[in-house]
Amino acid sequence: MAKIARWENLPEGIRQHLIDRMRHREISIADLNQLRLWIETEPEVPEEEWYKDFGSFKICGCGSHPKTFLLRGQAAKGIAL
């Protein structure tokens, strides 16, 4: 298991993609706060594809890097956390 990477440790391309998805999918500040609180717990994530469902959105990743956001109802691949 790996620890999820902190925002400042993500490659620039991944950070920009996540920012674009946040804007495009209109993820609210309240939703992002839920994500921030979860990341602050330094969760362990599998080395393969994974996702965490927050109800109104999902964050999907692979290993320590989050990769994208999905909206409620969009299908996610990988291991549910």
PDB file of N, CA and C in Angstrom:
ATOM      1  N   MET A   1       0.848  -1.184   0.000  1.00  0.00           N
ATOM      2  CA  MET A   1       0.000   0.000   0.000  1.00  0.00           C
ATOM      3  C   MET A   1       0.889   1.242   0.000  1.00  0.00           C
ATOM      4  N   ALA A   2       0.388   2.278  -0.631  1.00  0.00           N
ATOM      5  CA  ALA A   2       1.083   3.556  -0.704  1.00  0.00           C
ATOM      6  C   ALA A   2       0.262   4.611   0.033  1.00  0.00           C
ATOM      7  N   LYS A   3       0.878   5.686   0.400  1.00  0.00           N
ATOM      8  CA  LYS A   3       0.158   6.835   0.970  1.00  0.00           C
ATOM      9  C   LYS A   3      -0.207   7.765  -0.181  1.00  0.00           C
ATOM     10  N   ILE A   4      -1.386   8.358  -0.096  1.00  0.00           N
ATOM     11  CA  ILE A   4      -1.792   9.296  -1.137  1.00  0.00           C
ATOM     12  C   ILE A   4      -0.857  10.504  -1.110  1.00  0.00           C
ATOM     13  N   ALA A   5      -0.483  10.969  -2.279  1.00  0.00           N
ATOM     14  CA  ALA A   5       0.416  12.113  -2.393  1.00  0.00           C
ATOM     15  C   ALA A   5      -0.311  13.400  -2.012  1.00  0.00           C
ATOM     16  N   ARG A   6       0.395  14.278  -1.355  1.00  0.00           N
ATOM     17  CA  ARG A   6      -0.130  15.602  -1.022  1.00  0.00           C
ATOM     18  C   ARG A   6      -0.110  16.464  -2.280  1.00  0.00           C
ATOM     19  N   TRP A   7      -0.971  17.463  -2.305  1.00  0.00           N
ATOM     20  CA  TRP A   7      -1.140  18.335  -3.467  1.00  0.00           C
ATOM     21  C   TRP A   7       0.198  18.868  -3.973  1.00  0.00           C
ATOM     22  N   GLU A   8       1.018  19.361  -3.049  1.00  0.00           N
ATOM     23  CA  GLU A   8       2.281  19.979  -3.453  1.00  0.00           C
ATOM     24  C   GLU A   8       3.280  18.974  -4.020  1.00  0.00           C
ATOM     25  N   ASN A   9       3.054  17.686  -3.796  1.00  0.00           N
ATOM     26  CA  ASN A   9       3.957  16.650  -4.306  1.00  0.00           C
ATOM     27  C   ASN A   9       3.485  16.018  -5.616  1.00  0.00           C
ATOM     28  N   LEU A  10       2.347  16.457  -6.110  1.00  0.00           N
ATOM     29  CA  LEU A  10       1.837  15.915  -7.374  1.00  0.00           C
ATOM     30  C   LEU A  10       2.562  16.561  -8.554  1.00  0.00           C
ATOM     31  N   PRO A  11       2.799  15.796  -9.621  1.00  0.00           N
ATOM     32  CA  PRO A  11       3.359  16.401 -10.835  1.00  0.00           C
ATOM     33  C   PRO A  11       2.429  17.492 -11.364  1.00  0.00           C
ATOM     34  N   GLU A  12       3.006  18.520 -11.967  1.00  0.00           N
ATOM     35  CA  GLU A  12       2.238  19.665 -12.466  1.00  0.00           C
ATOM     36  C   GLU A  12       1.104  19.234 -13.391  1.00  0.00           C
ATOM     37  N   GLY A  13       1.335  18.276 -14.274  1.00  0.00           N
ATOM     38  CA  GLY A  13       0.293  17.829 -15.198  1.00  0.00           C
ATOM     39  C   GLY A  13      -0.916  17.246 -14.481  1.00  0.00           C
ATOM     40  N   ILE A  14      -0.668  16.480 -13.436  1.00  0.00           N
ATOM     41  CA  ILE A  14      -1.780  15.902 -12.665  1.00  0.00           C
ATOM     42  C   ILE A  14      -2.518  17.002 -11.927  1.00  0.00           C
ATOM     43  N   ARG A  15      -1.792  17.938 -11.314  1.00  0.00           N
ATOM     44  CA  ARG A  15      -2.454  19.044 -10.604  1.00  0.00           C
ATOM     45  C   ARG A  15      -3.352  19.824 -11.545  1.00  0.00           C
ATOM     46  N   GLN A  16      -2.845  20.146 -12.739  1.00  0.00           N
ATOM     47  CA  GLN A  16      -3.647  20.918 -13.686  1.00  0.00           C
ATOM     48  C   GLN A  16      -4.871  20.131 -14.142  1.00  0.00           C
ATOM     49  N   HIS A  17      -4.717  18.836 -14.380  1.00  0.00           N
ATOM     50  CA  HIS A  17      -5.860  18.007 -14.784  1.00  0.00           C
ATOM     51  C   HIS A  17      -6.926  18.008 -13.684  1.00  0.00           C
ATOM     52  N   LEU A  18      -6.510  17.855 -12.426  1.00  0.00           N
ATOM     53  CA  LEU A  18      -7.467  17.854 -11.324  1.00  0.00           C
ATOM     54  C   LEU A  18      -8.178  19.205 -11.204  1.00  0.00           C
ATOM     55  N   ILE A  19      -7.451  20.291 -11.375  1.00  0.00           N
ATOM     56  CA  ILE A  19      -8.073  21.623 -11.344  1.00  0.00           C
ATOM     57  C   ILE A  19      -9.102  21.748 -12.463  1.00  0.00           C
ATOM     58  N   ASP A  20      -8.741  21.304 -13.655  1.00  0.00           N
ATOM     59  CA  ASP A  20      -9.681  21.351 -14.784  1.00  0.00           C
ATOM     60  C   ASP A  20     -10.932  20.540 -14.497  1.00  0.00           C
ATOM     61  N   ARG A  21     -10.770  19.340 -13.935  1.00  0.00           N
ATOM     62  CA  ARG A  21     -11.921  18.485 -13.630  1.00  0.00           C
ATOM     63  C   ARG A  21     -12.781  19.091 -12.527  1.00  0.00           C
ATOM     64  N   MET A  22     -12.154  19.698 -11.513  1.00  0.00           N
ATOM     65  CA  MET A  22     -12.923  20.351 -10.445  1.00  0.00           C
ATOM     66  C   MET A  22     -13.829  21.431 -11.033  1.00  0.00           C
ATOM     67  N   ARG A  23     -13.265  22.225 -11.928  1.00  0.00           N
ATOM     68  CA  ARG A  23     -14.045  23.311 -12.544  1.00  0.00           C
ATOM     69  C   ARG A  23     -15.118  22.767 -13.476  1.00  0.00           C
ATOM     70  N   HIS A  24     -14.731  21.838 -14.340  1.00  0.00           N
ATOM     71  CA  HIS A  24     -15.662  21.288 -15.325  1.00  0.00           C
ATOM     72  C   HIS A  24     -16.818  20.555 -14.655  1.00  0.00           C
ATOM     73  N   ARG A  25     -16.533  19.841 -13.600  1.00  0.00           N
ATOM     74  CA  ARG A  25     -17.560  19.034 -12.919  1.00  0.00           C
ATOM     75  C   ARG A  25     -18.201  19.791 -11.765  1.00  0.00           C
ATOM     76  N   GLU A  26     -17.818  21.062 -11.617  1.00  0.00           N
ATOM     77  CA  GLU A  26     -18.424  21.961 -10.618  1.00  0.00           C
ATOM     78  C   GLU A  26     -18.443  21.340  -9.224  1.00  0.00           C
ATOM     79  N   ILE A  27     -17.308  20.860  -8.786  1.00  0.00           N
ATOM     80  CA  ILE A  27     -17.179  20.300  -7.440  1.00  0.00           C
ATOM     81  C   ILE A  27     -17.120  21.458  -6.461  1.00  0.00           C
ATOM     82  N   SER A  28     -17.985  21.425  -5.469  1.00  0.00           N
ATOM     83  CA  SER A  28     -18.138  22.560  -4.561  1.00  0.00           C
ATOM     84  C   SER A  28     -16.992  22.651  -3.546  1.00  0.00           C
ATOM     85  N   ILE A  29     -16.892  23.808  -2.919  1.00  0.00           N
ATOM     86  CA  ILE A  29     -15.903  24.017  -1.856  1.00  0.00           C
ATOM     87  C   ILE A  29     -16.169  23.050  -0.708  1.00  0.00           C
ATOM     88  N   ALA A  30     -17.431  22.817  -0.369  1.00  0.00           N
ATOM     89  CA  ALA A  30     -17.763  21.876   0.707  1.00  0.00           C
ATOM     90  C   ALA A  30     -17.277  20.471   0.357  1.00  0.00           C
ATOM     91  N   ASP A  31     -17.435  20.080  -0.908  1.00  0.00           N
ATOM     92  CA  ASP A  31     -16.945  18.769  -1.349  1.00  0.00           C
ATOM     93  C   ASP A  31     -15.427  18.702  -1.266  1.00  0.00           C
ATOM     94  N   LEU A  32     -14.768  19.759  -1.714  1.00  0.00           N
ATOM     95  CA  LEU A  32     -13.308  19.786  -1.654  1.00  0.00           C
ATOM     96  C   LEU A  32     -12.806  19.756  -0.215  1.00  0.00           C
ATOM     97  N   ASN A  33     -13.570  20.335   0.692  1.00  0.00           N
ATOM     98  CA  ASN A  33     -13.187  20.280   2.098  1.00  0.00           C
ATOM     99  C   ASN A  33     -13.241  18.844   2.620  1.00  0.00           C
ATOM    100  N   GLN A  34     -14.263  18.085   2.203  1.00  0.00           N
ATOM    101  CA  GLN A  34     -14.322  16.660   2.574  1.00  0.00           C
ATOM    102  C   GLN A  34     -13.073  15.935   2.081  1.00  0.00           C
ATOM    103  N   LEU A  35     -12.682  16.220   0.843  1.00  0.00           N
ATOM    104  CA  LEU A  35     -11.489  15.618   0.267  1.00  0.00           C
ATOM    105  C   LEU A  35     -10.245  16.018   1.060  1.00  0.00           C
ATOM    106  N   ARG A  36     -10.125  17.293   1.386  1.00  0.00           N
ATOM    107  CA  ARG A  36      -8.972  17.782   2.150  1.00  0.00           C
ATOM    108  C   ARG A  36      -8.862  17.071   3.492  1.00  0.00           C
ATOM    109  N   LEU A  37      -9.990  16.947   4.184  1.00  0.00           N
ATOM    110  CA  LEU A  37      -9.978  16.272   5.483  1.00  0.00           C
ATOM    111  C   LEU A  37      -9.542  14.813   5.354  1.00  0.00           C
ATOM    112  N   TRP A  38      -9.996  14.151   4.301  1.00  0.00           N
ATOM    113  CA  TRP A  38      -9.603  12.754   4.081  1.00  0.00           C
ATOM    114  C   TRP A  38      -8.105  12.667   3.790  1.00  0.00           C
ATOM    115  N   ILE A  39      -7.607  13.540   2.929  1.00  0.00           N
ATOM    116  CA  ILE A  39      -6.183  13.505   2.576  1.00  0.00           C
ATOM    117  C   ILE A  39      -5.311  13.805   3.793  1.00  0.00           C
ATOM    118  N   GLU A  40      -5.784  14.667   4.679  1.00  0.00           N
ATOM    119  CA  GLU A  40      -5.016  14.991   5.887  1.00  0.00           C
ATOM    120  C   GLU A  40      -4.824  13.780   6.801  1.00  0.00           C
ATOM    121  N   THR A  41      -5.662  12.760   6.646  1.00  0.00           N
ATOM    122  CA  THR A  41      -5.493  11.534   7.450  1.00  0.00           C
ATOM    123  C   THR A  41      -4.374  10.659   6.902  1.00  0.00           C
ATOM    124  N   GLU A  42      -3.771  11.082   5.791  1.00  0.00           N
ATOM    125  CA  GLU A  42      -2.709  10.336   5.115  1.00  0.00           C
ATOM    126  C   GLU A  42      -3.122   8.891   4.844  1.00  0.00           C
ATOM    127  N   PRO A  43      -4.248   8.728   4.116  1.00  0.00           N
ATOM    128  CA  PRO A  43      -4.758   7.374   3.864  1.00  0.00           C
ATOM    129  C   PRO A  43      -3.818   6.540   3.002  1.00  0.00           C
ATOM    130  N   GLU A  44      -3.836   5.264   3.258  1.00  0.00           N
ATOM    131  CA  GLU A  44      -3.116   4.337   2.398  1.00  0.00           C
ATOM    132  C   GLU A  44      -4.019   3.983   1.230  1.00  0.00           C
ATOM    133  N   VAL A  45      -3.414   3.890   0.063  1.00  0.00           N
ATOM    134  CA  VAL A  45      -4.147   3.560  -1.161  1.00  0.00           C
ATOM    135  C   VAL A  45      -3.408   2.430  -1.862  1.00  0.00           C
ATOM    136  N   PRO A  46      -4.123   1.587  -2.600  1.00  0.00           N
ATOM    137  CA  PRO A  46      -3.464   0.486  -3.310  1.00  0.00           C
ATOM    138  C   PRO A  46      -2.567   0.993  -4.430  1.00  0.00           C
ATOM    139  N   GLU A  47      -1.628   0.160  -4.825  1.00  0.00           N
ATOM    140  CA  GLU A  47      -0.730   0.503  -5.938  1.00  0.00           C
ATOM    141  C   GLU A  47      -1.475   0.496  -7.272  1.00  0.00           C
ATOM    142  N   GLU A  48      -2.583  -0.234  -7.346  1.00  0.00           N
ATOM    143  CA  GLU A  48      -3.367  -0.281  -8.585  1.00  0.00           C
ATOM    144  C   GLU A  48      -4.467   0.779  -8.539  1.00  0.00           C
ATOM    145  N   GLU A  49      -5.376   0.743  -9.532  1.00  0.00           N
ATOM    146  CA  GLU A  49      -6.452   1.729  -9.615  1.00  0.00           C
ATOM    147  C   GLU A  49      -7.366   1.640  -8.392  1.00  0.00           C
ATOM    148  N   TRP A  50      -7.822   2.808  -7.932  1.00  0.00           N
ATOM    149  CA  TRP A  50      -8.689   2.899  -6.761  1.00  0.00           C
ATOM    150  C   TRP A  50      -9.607   4.113  -6.924  1.00  0.00           C
ATOM    151  N   TYR A  51     -10.635   4.149  -6.085  1.00  0.00           N
ATOM    152  CA  TYR A  51     -11.488   5.339  -6.028  1.00  0.00           C
ATOM    153  C   TYR A  51     -12.079   5.472  -4.640  1.00  0.00           C
ATOM    154  N   LYS A  52     -12.405   6.704  -4.280  1.00  0.00           N
ATOM    155  CA  LYS A  52     -13.052   7.007  -3.006  1.00  0.00           C
ATOM    156  C   LYS A  52     -14.315   7.775  -3.335  1.00  0.00           C
ATOM    157  N   ASP A  53     -15.448   7.271  -2.878  1.00  0.00           N
ATOM    158  CA  ASP A  53     -16.749   7.877  -3.148  1.00  0.00           C
ATOM    159  C   ASP A  53     -17.126   8.789  -1.984  1.00  0.00           C
ATOM    160  N   PHE A  54     -17.313  10.064  -2.270  1.00  0.00           N
ATOM    161  CA  PHE A  54     -17.706  11.037  -1.253  1.00  0.00           C
ATOM    162  C   PHE A  54     -19.195  11.361  -1.333  1.00  0.00           C
ATOM    163  N   GLY A  55     -19.949  10.628  -2.133  1.00  0.00           N
ATOM    164  CA  GLY A  55     -21.380  10.862  -2.260  1.00  0.00           C
ATOM    165  C   GLY A  55     -21.713  11.736  -3.455  1.00  0.00           C
ATOM    166  N   SER A  56     -21.260  12.981  -3.438  1.00  0.00           N
ATOM    167  CA  SER A  56     -21.560  13.890  -4.544  1.00  0.00           C
ATOM    168  C   SER A  56     -20.489  13.839  -5.633  1.00  0.00           C
ATOM    169  N   PHE A  57     -19.357  13.211  -5.353  1.00  0.00           N
ATOM    170  CA  PHE A  57     -18.289  13.046  -6.333  1.00  0.00           C
ATOM    171  C   PHE A  57     -17.405  11.880  -5.905  1.00  0.00           C
ATOM    172  N   LYS A  58     -16.560  11.450  -6.835  1.00  0.00           N
ATOM    173  CA  LYS A  58     -15.562  10.415  -6.548  1.00  0.00           C
ATOM    174  C   LYS A  58     -14.210  10.958  -6.972  1.00  0.00           C
ATOM    175  N   ILE A  59     -13.180  10.569  -6.244  1.00  0.00           N
ATOM    176  CA  ILE A  59     -11.826  10.822  -6.695  1.00  0.00           C
ATOM    177  C   ILE A  59     -11.245   9.470  -7.072  1.00  0.00           C
ATOM    178  N   CYS A  60     -10.579   9.422  -8.212  1.00  0.00           N
ATOM    179  CA  CYS A  60     -10.008   8.178  -8.720  1.00  0.00           C
ATOM    180  C   CYS A  60      -8.502   8.355  -8.852  1.00  0.00           C
ATOM    181  N   GLY A  61      -7.778   7.277  -8.585  1.00  0.00           N
ATOM    182  CA  GLY A  61      -6.340   7.349  -8.694  1.00  0.00           C
ATOM    183  C   GLY A  61      -5.718   6.009  -8.986  1.00  0.00           C
ATOM    184  N   CYS A  62      -4.409   6.028  -9.026  1.00  0.00           N
ATOM    185  CA  CYS A  62      -3.628   4.817  -9.221  1.00  0.00           C
ATOM    186  C   CYS A  62      -2.362   4.981  -8.401  1.00  0.00           C
ATOM    187  N   GLY A  63      -2.146   4.077  -7.467  1.00  0.00           N
ATOM    188  CA  GLY A  63      -1.026   4.233  -6.561  1.00  0.00           C
ATOM    189  C   GLY A  63      -1.198   5.492  -5.741  1.00  0.00           C
ATOM    190  N   SER A  64      -0.120   6.206  -5.501  1.00  0.00           N
ATOM    191  CA  SER A  64      -0.183   7.375  -4.630  1.00  0.00           C
ATOM    192  C   SER A  64      -0.787   8.612  -5.278  1.00  0.00           C
ATOM    193  N   HIS A  65      -1.003   8.581  -6.599  1.00  0.00           N
ATOM    194  CA  HIS A  65      -1.491   9.775  -7.288  1.00  0.00           C
ATOM    195  C   HIS A  65      -2.984   9.731  -7.593  1.00  0.00           C
ATOM    196  N   PRO A  66      -3.733  10.734  -7.127  1.00  0.00           N
ATOM    197  CA  PRO A  66      -5.105  10.884  -7.612  1.00  0.00           C
ATOM    198  C   PRO A  66      -5.024  11.283  -9.086  1.00  0.00           C
ATOM    199  N   LYS A  67      -5.979  10.829  -9.881  1.00  0.00           N
ATOM    200  CA  LYS A  67      -5.906  11.067 -11.327  1.00  0.00           C
ATOM    201  C   LYS A  67      -7.046  11.923 -11.867  1.00  0.00           C
ATOM    202  N   THR A  68      -8.270  11.756 -11.308  1.00  0.00           N
ATOM    203  CA  THR A  68      -9.401  12.517 -11.845  1.00  0.00           C
ATOM    204  C   THR A  68     -10.545  12.513 -10.852  1.00  0.00           C
ATOM    205  N   PHE A  69     -11.528  13.344 -11.136  1.00  0.00           N
ATOM    206  CA  PHE A  69     -12.772  13.394 -10.374  1.00  0.00           C
ATOM    207  C   PHE A  69     -13.907  12.893 -11.256  1.00  0.00           C
ATOM    208  N   LEU A  70     -14.843  12.185 -10.666  1.00  0.00           N
ATOM    209  CA  LEU A  70     -16.070  11.761 -11.336  1.00  0.00           C
ATOM    210  C   LEU A  70     -17.258  12.296 -10.552  1.00  0.00           C
ATOM    211  N   LEU A  71     -18.352  12.515 -11.235  1.00  0.00           N
ATOM    212  CA  LEU A  71     -19.583  12.937 -10.567  1.00  0.00           C
ATOM    213  C   LEU A  71     -20.357  11.727 -10.071  1.00  0.00           C
ATOM    214  N   ARG A  72     -21.281  11.981  -9.167  1.00  0.00           N
ATOM    215  CA  ARG A  72     -22.175  10.922  -8.697  1.00  0.00           C
ATOM    216  C   ARG A  72     -22.812  10.262  -9.913  1.00  0.00           C
ATOM    217  N   GLY A  73     -22.878   8.965  -9.896  1.00  0.00           N
ATOM    218  CA  GLY A  73     -23.482   8.242 -10.998  1.00  0.00           C
ATOM    219  C   GLY A  73     -22.492   7.809 -12.071  1.00  0.00           C
ATOM    220  N   GLN A  74     -21.338   8.437 -12.136  1.00  0.00           N
ATOM    221  CA  GLN A  74     -20.340   7.991 -13.106  1.00  0.00           C
ATOM    222  C   GLN A  74     -19.629   6.767 -12.539  1.00  0.00           C
ATOM    223  N   ALA A  75     -19.406   5.792 -13.402  1.00  0.00           N
ATOM    224  CA  ALA A  75     -18.781   4.544 -12.976  1.00  0.00           C
ATOM    225  C   ALA A  75     -17.281   4.738 -12.773  1.00  0.00           C
ATOM    226  N   ALA A  76     -16.789   4.194 -11.681  1.00  0.00           N
ATOM    227  CA  ALA A  76     -15.373   4.263 -11.367  1.00  0.00           C
ATOM    228  C   ALA A  76     -14.770   2.868 -11.482  1.00  0.00           C
ATOM    229  N   LYS A  77     -13.484   2.824 -11.844  1.00  0.00           N
ATOM    230  CA  LYS A  77     -12.767   1.554 -11.936  1.00  0.00           C
ATOM    231  C   LYS A  77     -11.834   1.419 -10.745  1.00  0.00           C
ATOM    232  N   GLY A  78     -11.555   0.206 -10.393  1.00  0.00           N
ATOM    233  CA  GLY A  78     -10.560  -0.047  -9.360  1.00  0.00           C
ATOM    234  C   GLY A  78     -11.173  -0.473  -8.039  1.00  0.00           C
ATOM    235  N   ILE A  79     -10.356  -0.379  -7.015  1.00  0.00           N
ATOM    236  CA  ILE A  79     -10.736  -0.803  -5.662  1.00  0.00           C
ATOM    237  C   ILE A  79     -11.420   0.341  -4.945  1.00  0.00           C
ATOM    238  N   ALA A  80     -12.598   0.079  -4.397  1.00  0.00           N
ATOM    239  CA  ALA A  80     -13.310   1.097  -3.623  1.00  0.00           C
ATOM    240  C   ALA A  80     -12.648   1.239  -2.247  1.00  0.00           C
ATOM    241  N   LEU A  81     -12.390   2.453  -1.839  1.00  0.00           N
ATOM    242  CA  LEU A  81     -11.803   2.714  -0.525  1.00  0.00           C
ATOM    243  C   LEU A  81     -12.878   3.106   0.471  1.00  0.00           C
TER     244      LEU A  81
END
